[in-house]
C-alpha cells in the first residue's frame, strides 16, 4: 500500500512540475514577444531617418520569421 502511495505522490509531483514549466514557458513567450516588439519599434525609429528605408534594404533575411520555432 505504501508503494502505491509513493507512486501516486511521484506522479502528482511530476504533473505539478510540468504545469509550472508550462506556465514559465507562457510567461517567457510573452516576455520575448514584448521584447521583440520593443526592438522592432526601436529599429523603425532609428531607420526612419535613414536613407536605406527607401531601398528596402532593412528587410529581415528570408526565413527569419518571428513565428518560427527553433529546436
PDB file of N, CA and C in Angstrom:
ATOM      1  N   UNK A   1       0.824  -1.194   0.000  1.00  0.00           N
ATOM      2  CA  UNK A   1       0.000   0.000   0.000  1.00  0.00           C
ATOM      3  C   UNK A   1       0.869   1.258   0.000  1.00  0.00           C
ATOM      4  N   UNK A   2       1.974   1.237   0.735  1.00  0.00           N
ATOM      5  CA  UNK A   2       2.844   2.395   0.818  1.00  0.00           C
ATOM      6  C   UNK A   2       3.503   2.675  -0.525  1.00  0.00           C
ATOM      7  N   UNK A   3       3.888   1.618  -1.255  1.00  0.00           N
ATOM      8  CA  UNK A   3       4.488   1.774  -2.579  1.00  0.00           C
ATOM      9  C   UNK A   3       3.514   2.447  -3.539  1.00  0.00           C
ATOM     10  N   UNK A   4       2.260   2.093  -3.416  1.00  0.00           N
ATOM     11  CA  UNK A   4       1.220   2.671  -4.271  1.00  0.00           C
ATOM     12  C   UNK A   4       1.065   4.171  -3.970  1.00  0.00           C
ATOM     13  N   UNK A   5       1.116   4.552  -2.703  1.00  0.00           N
ATOM     14  CA  UNK A   5       1.023   5.958  -2.323  1.00  0.00           C
ATOM     15  C   UNK A   5       2.229   6.745  -2.834  1.00  0.00           C
ATOM     16  N   UNK A   6       3.410   6.122  -2.771  1.00  0.00           N
ATOM     17  CA  UNK A   6       4.622   6.783  -3.264  1.00  0.00           C
ATOM     18  C   UNK A   6       4.531   7.057  -4.762  1.00  0.00           C
ATOM     19  N   UNK A   7       4.025   6.075  -5.517  1.00  0.00           N
ATOM     20  CA  UNK A   7       3.885   6.264  -6.963  1.00  0.00           C
ATOM     21  C   UNK A   7       2.878   7.365  -7.271  1.00  0.00           C
ATOM     22  N   UNK A   8       1.805   7.407  -6.510  1.00  0.00           N
ATOM     23  CA  UNK A   8       0.792   8.449  -6.707  1.00  0.00           C
ATOM     24  C   UNK A   8       1.385   9.827  -6.388  1.00  0.00           C
ATOM     25  N   UNK A   9       2.147   9.900  -5.325  1.00  0.00           N
ATOM     26  CA  UNK A   9       2.790  11.155  -4.929  1.00  0.00           C
ATOM     27  C   UNK A   9       3.804  11.590  -5.978  1.00  0.00           C
ATOM     28  N   UNK A  10       4.592  10.643  -6.488  1.00  0.00           N
ATOM     29  CA  UNK A  10       5.565  10.955  -7.533  1.00  0.00           C
ATOM     30  C   UNK A  10       4.866  11.480  -8.780  1.00  0.00           C
ATOM     31  N   UNK A  11       3.770  10.830  -9.151  1.00  0.00           N
ATOM     32  CA  UNK A  11       3.038  11.259 -10.336  1.00  0.00           C
ATOM     33  C   UNK A  11       2.476  12.663 -10.150  1.00  0.00           C
ATOM     34  N   UNK A  12       1.936  12.945  -8.978  1.00  0.00           N
ATOM     35  CA  UNK A  12       1.413  14.282  -8.697  1.00  0.00           C
ATOM     36  C   UNK A  12       2.522  15.325  -8.731  1.00  0.00           C
ATOM     37  N   UNK A  13       3.683  14.986  -8.197  1.00  0.00           N
ATOM     38  CA  UNK A  13       4.827  15.909  -8.211  1.00  0.00           C
ATOM     39  C   UNK A  13       5.261  16.207  -9.643  1.00  0.00           C
ATOM     40  N   UNK A  14       5.301  15.173 -10.460  1.00  0.00           N
ATOM     41  CA  UNK A  14       5.689  15.353 -11.864  1.00  0.00           C
ATOM     42  C   UNK A  14       4.675  16.231 -12.584  1.00  0.00           C
ATOM     43  N   UNK A  15       3.399  15.978 -12.364  1.00  0.00           N
ATOM     44  CA  UNK A  15       2.369  16.785 -13.019  1.00  0.00           C
ATOM     45  C   UNK A  15       2.431  18.244 -12.576  1.00  0.00           C
ATOM     46  N   UNK A  16       2.681  18.488 -11.303  1.00  0.00           N
ATOM     47  CA  UNK A  16       2.802  19.867 -10.821  1.00  0.00           C
ATOM     48  C   UNK A  16       4.027  20.543 -11.424  1.00  0.00           C
ATOM     49  N   UNK A  17       5.138  19.804 -11.525  1.00  0.00           N
ATOM     50  CA  UNK A  17       6.346  20.371 -12.122  1.00  0.00           C
ATOM     51  C   UNK A  17       6.114  20.704 -13.592  1.00  0.00           C
ATOM     52  N   UNK A  18       5.434  19.814 -14.311  1.00  0.00           N
ATOM     53  CA  UNK A  18       5.138  20.075 -15.720  1.00  0.00           C
ATOM     54  C   UNK A  18       4.230  21.289 -15.878  1.00  0.00           C
ATOM     55  N   UNK A  19       3.276  21.454 -14.982  1.00  0.00           N
ATOM     56  CA  UNK A  19       2.398  22.615 -15.021  1.00  0.00           C
ATOM     57  C   UNK A  19       3.185  23.899 -14.778  1.00  0.00           C
ATOM     58  N   UNK A  20       4.109  23.863 -13.828  1.00  0.00           N
ATOM     59  CA  UNK A  20       4.937  25.038 -13.552  1.00  0.00           C
ATOM     60  C   UNK A  20       5.831  25.370 -14.741  1.00  0.00           C
ATOM     61  N   UNK A  21       6.389  24.344 -15.377  1.00  0.00           N
ATOM     62  CA  UNK A  21       7.216  24.568 -16.562  1.00  0.00           C
ATOM     63  C   UNK A  21       6.386  25.192 -17.673  1.00  0.00           C
ATOM     64  N   UNK A  22       5.182  24.703 -17.860  1.00  0.00           N
ATOM     65  CA  UNK A  22       4.292  25.239 -18.887  1.00  0.00           C
ATOM     66  C   UNK A  22       3.980  26.712 -18.627  1.00  0.00           C
ATOM     67  N   UNK A  23       3.709  27.044 -17.368  1.00  0.00           N
ATOM     68  CA  UNK A  23       3.427  28.436 -17.019  1.00  0.00           C
ATOM     69  C   UNK A  23       4.652  29.309 -17.243  1.00  0.00           C
ATOM     70  N   UNK A  24       5.829  28.797 -16.916  1.00  0.00           N
ATOM     71  CA  UNK A  24       7.062  29.545 -17.131  1.00  0.00           C
ATOM     72  C   UNK A  24       7.285  29.805 -18.613  1.00  0.00           C
ATOM     73  N   UNK A  25       7.029  28.804 -19.433  1.00  0.00           N
ATOM     74  CA  UNK A  25       7.178  28.967 -20.883  1.00  0.00           C
ATOM     75  C   UNK A  25       6.206  30.019 -21.397  1.00  0.00           C
ATOM     76  N   UNK A  26       4.968  30.011 -20.912  1.00  0.00           N
ATOM     77  CA  UNK A  26       3.988  31.015 -21.329  1.00  0.00           C
ATOM     78  C   UNK A  26       4.460  32.421 -20.982  1.00  0.00           C
ATOM     79  N   UNK A  27       4.985  32.592 -19.776  1.00  0.00           N
ATOM     80  CA  UNK A  27       5.474  33.910 -19.352  1.00  0.00           C
ATOM     81  C   UNK A  27       6.664  34.338 -20.205  1.00  0.00           C
ATOM     82  N   UNK A  28       7.597  33.423 -20.433  1.00  0.00           N
ATOM     83  CA  UNK A  28       8.780  33.757 -21.227  1.00  0.00           C
ATOM     84  C   UNK A  28       8.403  34.062 -22.675  1.00  0.00           C
ATOM     85  N   UNK A  29       7.420  33.369 -23.215  1.00  0.00           N
ATOM     86  CA  UNK A  29       6.950  33.654 -24.565  1.00  0.00           C
ATOM     87  C   UNK A  29       6.391  35.066 -24.637  1.00  0.00           C
ATOM     88  N   UNK A  30       5.654  35.455 -23.624  1.00  0.00           N
ATOM     89  CA  UNK A  30       5.110  36.806 -23.568  1.00  0.00           C
ATOM     90  C   UNK A  30       6.230  37.846 -23.471  1.00  0.00           C
ATOM     91  N   UNK A  31       7.217  37.566 -22.638  1.00  0.00           N
ATOM     92  CA  UNK A  31       8.346  38.496 -22.479  1.00  0.00           C
ATOM     93  C   UNK A  31       9.098  38.643 -23.800  1.00  0.00           C
ATOM     94  N   UNK A  32       9.359  37.531 -24.466  1.00  0.00           N
ATOM     95  CA  UNK A  32      10.078  37.573 -25.736  1.00  0.00           C
ATOM     96  C   UNK A  32       9.280  38.365 -26.775  1.00  0.00           C
ATOM     97  N   UNK A  33       7.973  38.165 -26.806  1.00  0.00           N
ATOM     98  CA  UNK A  33       7.139  38.924 -27.742  1.00  0.00           C
ATOM     99  C   UNK A  33       7.198  40.411 -27.480  1.00  0.00           C
ATOM    100  N   UNK A  34       7.146  40.788 -26.219  1.00  0.00           N
ATOM    101  CA  UNK A  34       7.222  42.213 -25.871  1.00  0.00           C
ATOM    102  C   UNK A  34       8.588  42.786 -26.214  1.00  0.00           C
ATOM    103  N   UNK A  35       9.644  42.033 -25.944  1.00  0.00           N
ATOM    104  CA  UNK A  35      10.988  42.494 -26.287  1.00  0.00           C
ATOM    105  C   UNK A  35      11.158  42.623 -27.802  1.00  0.00           C
ATOM    106  N   UNK A  36      10.605  41.662 -28.535  1.00  0.00           N
ATOM    107  CA  UNK A  36      10.695  41.714 -29.993  1.00  0.00           C
ATOM    108  C   UNK A  36       9.989  42.968 -30.526  1.00  0.00           C
ATOM    109  N   UNK A  37       8.815  43.261 -29.975  1.00  0.00           N
ATOM    110  CA  UNK A  37       8.077  44.454 -30.392  1.00  0.00           C
ATOM    111  C   UNK A  37       8.859  45.716 -30.071  1.00  0.00           C
ATOM    112  N   UNK A  38       9.477  45.744 -28.897  1.00  0.00           N
ATOM    113  CA  UNK A  38      10.268  46.906 -28.488  1.00  0.00           C
ATOM    114  C   UNK A  38      11.447  47.117 -29.432  1.00  0.00           C
ATOM    115  N   UNK A  39      12.179  46.031 -29.718  1.00  0.00           N
ATOM    116  CA  UNK A  39      13.343  46.138 -30.589  1.00  0.00           C
ATOM    117  C   UNK A  39      12.926  46.551 -31.996  1.00  0.00           C
ATOM    118  N   UNK A  40      11.824  45.988 -32.500  1.00  0.00           N
ATOM    119  CA  UNK A  40      11.347  46.372 -33.827  1.00  0.00           C
ATOM    120  C   UNK A  40      10.955  47.842 -33.859  1.00  0.00           C
ATOM    121  N   UNK A  41      10.303  48.319 -32.802  1.00  0.00           N
ATOM    122  CA  UNK A  41       9.909  49.725 -32.738  1.00  0.00           C
ATOM    123  C   UNK A  41      11.146  50.616 -32.694  1.00  0.00           C
ATOM    124  N   UNK A  42      12.165  50.202 -31.956  1.00  0.00           N
ATOM    125  CA  UNK A  42      13.404  50.974 -31.890  1.00  0.00           C
ATOM    126  C   UNK A  42      14.085  50.988 -33.257  1.00  0.00           C
ATOM    127  N   UNK A  43      14.060  49.855 -33.942  1.00  0.00           N
ATOM    128  CA  UNK A  43      14.673  49.781 -35.270  1.00  0.00           C
ATOM    129  C   UNK A  43      13.945  50.661 -36.266  1.00  0.00           C
ATOM    130  N   UNK A  44      12.631  50.685 -36.194  1.00  0.00           N
ATOM    131  CA  UNK A  44      11.861  51.542 -37.088  1.00  0.00           C
ATOM    132  C   UNK A  44      12.120  53.008 -36.783  1.00  0.00           C
ATOM    133  N   UNK A  45      12.275  53.336 -35.516  1.00  0.00           N
ATOM    134  CA  UNK A  45      12.527  54.724 -35.136  1.00  0.00           C
ATOM    135  C   UNK A  45      13.901  55.183 -35.620  1.00  0.00           C
ATOM    136  N   UNK A  46      14.903  54.310 -35.553  1.00  0.00           N
ATOM    137  CA  UNK A  46      16.246  54.707 -35.972  1.00  0.00           C
ATOM    138  C   UNK A  46      16.418  54.651 -37.480  1.00  0.00           C
ATOM    139  N   UNK A  47      15.763  53.715 -38.161  1.00  0.00           N
ATOM    140  CA  UNK A  47      15.903  53.631 -39.617  1.00  0.00           C
ATOM    141  C   UNK A  47      14.909  54.531 -40.323  1.00  0.00           C
ATOM    142  N   UNK A  48      13.988  55.096 -39.609  1.00  0.00           N
ATOM    143  CA  UNK A  48      13.025  56.019 -40.215  1.00  0.00           C
ATOM    144  C   UNK A  48      13.698  57.253 -40.767  1.00  0.00           C
ATOM    145  N   UNK A  49      14.825  57.631 -40.191  1.00  0.00           N
ATOM    146  CA  UNK A  49      15.580  58.799 -40.656  1.00  0.00           C
ATOM    147  C   UNK A  49      16.693  58.402 -41.607  1.00  0.00           C
ATOM    148  N   UNK A  50      16.862  57.128 -41.860  1.00  0.00           N
ATOM    149  CA  UNK A  50      17.944  56.610 -42.684  1.00  0.00           C
ATOM    150  C   UNK A  50      17.476  56.473 -44.133  1.00  0.00           C
ATOM    151  N   UNK A  51      18.371  56.643 -45.070  1.00  0.00           N
ATOM    152  CA  UNK A  51      18.004  56.539 -46.485  1.00  0.00           C
ATOM    153  C   UNK A  51      17.814  55.097 -46.922  1.00  0.00           C
ATOM    154  N   UNK A  52      18.272  54.111 -46.147  1.00  0.00           N
ATOM    155  CA  UNK A  52      18.135  52.707 -46.546  1.00  0.00           C
ATOM    156  C   UNK A  52      16.690  52.243 -46.495  1.00  0.00           C
ATOM    157  N   UNK A  53      15.820  52.979 -45.817  1.00  0.00           N
ATOM    158  CA  UNK A  53      14.415  52.612 -45.737  1.00  0.00           C
ATOM    159  C   UNK A  53      13.768  52.663 -47.109  1.00  0.00           C
ATOM    160  N   UNK A  54      14.124  53.617 -47.892  1.00  0.00           N
ATOM    161  CA  UNK A  54      13.520  53.776 -49.210  1.00  0.00           C
ATOM    162  C   UNK A  54      13.907  52.642 -50.152  1.00  0.00           C
ATOM    163  N   UNK A  55      15.100  52.059 -49.962  1.00  0.00           N
ATOM    164  CA  UNK A  55      15.544  50.999 -50.854  1.00  0.00           C
ATOM    165  C   UNK A  55      15.058  49.630 -50.415  1.00  0.00           C
ATOM    166  N   UNK A  56      14.558  49.528 -49.204  1.00  0.00           N
ATOM    167  CA  UNK A  56      14.071  48.244 -48.718  1.00  0.00           C
ATOM    168  C   UNK A  56      15.174  47.337 -48.220  1.00  0.00           C
ATOM    169  N   UNK A  57      16.372  47.873 -47.997  1.00  0.00           N
ATOM    170  CA  UNK A  57      17.486  47.034 -47.565  1.00  0.00           C
ATOM    171  C   UNK A  57      17.419  46.658 -46.094  1.00  0.00           C
ATOM    172  N   UNK A  58      16.447  47.210 -45.359  1.00  0.00           N
ATOM    173  CA  UNK A  58      16.335  46.878 -43.938  1.00  0.00           C
ATOM    174  C   UNK A  58      15.374  45.721 -43.695  1.00  0.00           C
ATOM    175  N   UNK A  59      14.988  45.028 -44.740  1.00  0.00           N
ATOM    176  CA  UNK A  59      14.098  43.882 -44.583  1.00  0.00           C
ATOM    177  C   UNK A  59      14.843  42.754 -43.887  1.00  0.00           C
ATOM    178  N   UNK A  60      14.144  41.988 -43.043  1.00  0.00           N
ATOM    179  CA  UNK A  60      14.810  40.850 -42.402  1.00  0.00           C
ATOM    180  C   UNK A  60      15.148  39.787 -43.426  1.00  0.00           C
ATOM    181  N   UNK A  61      16.191  39.018 -43.193  1.00  0.00           N
ATOM    182  CA  UNK A  61      16.559  37.965 -44.142  1.00  0.00           C
ATOM    183  C   UNK A  61      15.463  36.913 -44.263  1.00  0.00           C
ATOM    184  N   UNK A  62      15.435  36.266 -45.391  1.00  0.00           N
ATOM    185  CA  UNK A  62      14.437  35.212 -45.605  1.00  0.00           C
ATOM    186  C   UNK A  62      14.574  34.138 -44.542  1.00  0.00           C
ATOM    187  N   UNK A  63      13.441  33.659 -44.051  1.00  0.00           N
ATOM    188  CA  UNK A  63      13.453  32.615 -43.042  1.00  0.00           C
ATOM    189  C   UNK A  63      13.600  33.121 -41.625  1.00  0.00           C
ATOM    190  N   UNK A  64      13.557  34.434 -41.418  1.00  0.00           N
ATOM    191  CA  UNK A  64      13.735  34.965 -40.068  1.00  0.00           C
ATOM    192  C   UNK A  64      12.406  35.388 -39.461  1.00  0.00           C
ATOM    193  N   UNK A  65      11.363  34.697 -39.813  1.00  0.00           N
ATOM    194  CA  UNK A  65      10.036  34.998 -39.294  1.00  0.00           C
ATOM    195  C   UNK A  65      10.004  34.844 -37.785  1.00  0.00           C
ATOM    196  N   UNK A  66       9.381  35.792 -37.070  1.00  0.00           N
ATOM    197  CA  UNK A  66       9.321  35.676 -35.620  1.00  0.00           C
ATOM    198  C   UNK A  66       8.472  34.496 -35.148  1.00  0.00           C
ATOM    199  N   UNK A  67       7.677  33.931 -36.039  1.00  0.00           N
ATOM    200  CA  UNK A  67       6.825  32.803 -35.663  1.00  0.00           C
ATOM    201  C   UNK A  67       7.542  31.468 -35.758  1.00  0.00           C
ATOM    202  N   UNK A  68       8.741  31.456 -36.336  1.00  0.00           N
ATOM    203  CA  UNK A  68       9.425  30.172 -36.472  1.00  0.00           C
ATOM    204  C   UNK A  68       9.892  29.679 -35.117  1.00  0.00           C
ATOM    205  N   UNK A  69       9.968  28.371 -34.992  1.00  0.00           N
ATOM    206  CA  UNK A  69      10.359  27.745 -33.737  1.00  0.00           C
ATOM    207  C   UNK A  69      11.674  27.029 -33.950  1.00  0.00           C
ATOM    208  N   UNK A  70      12.653  27.320 -33.103  1.00  0.00           N
ATOM    209  CA  UNK A  70      13.947  26.671 -33.184  1.00  0.00           C
ATOM    210  C   UNK A  70      14.000  25.574 -32.136  1.00  0.00           C
ATOM    211  N   UNK A  71      14.526  24.443 -32.520  1.00  0.00           N
ATOM    212  CA  UNK A  71      14.668  23.321 -31.570  1.00  0.00           C
ATOM    213  C   UNK A  71      16.116  22.925 -31.491  1.00  0.00           C
TER     214      UNK A  71
END
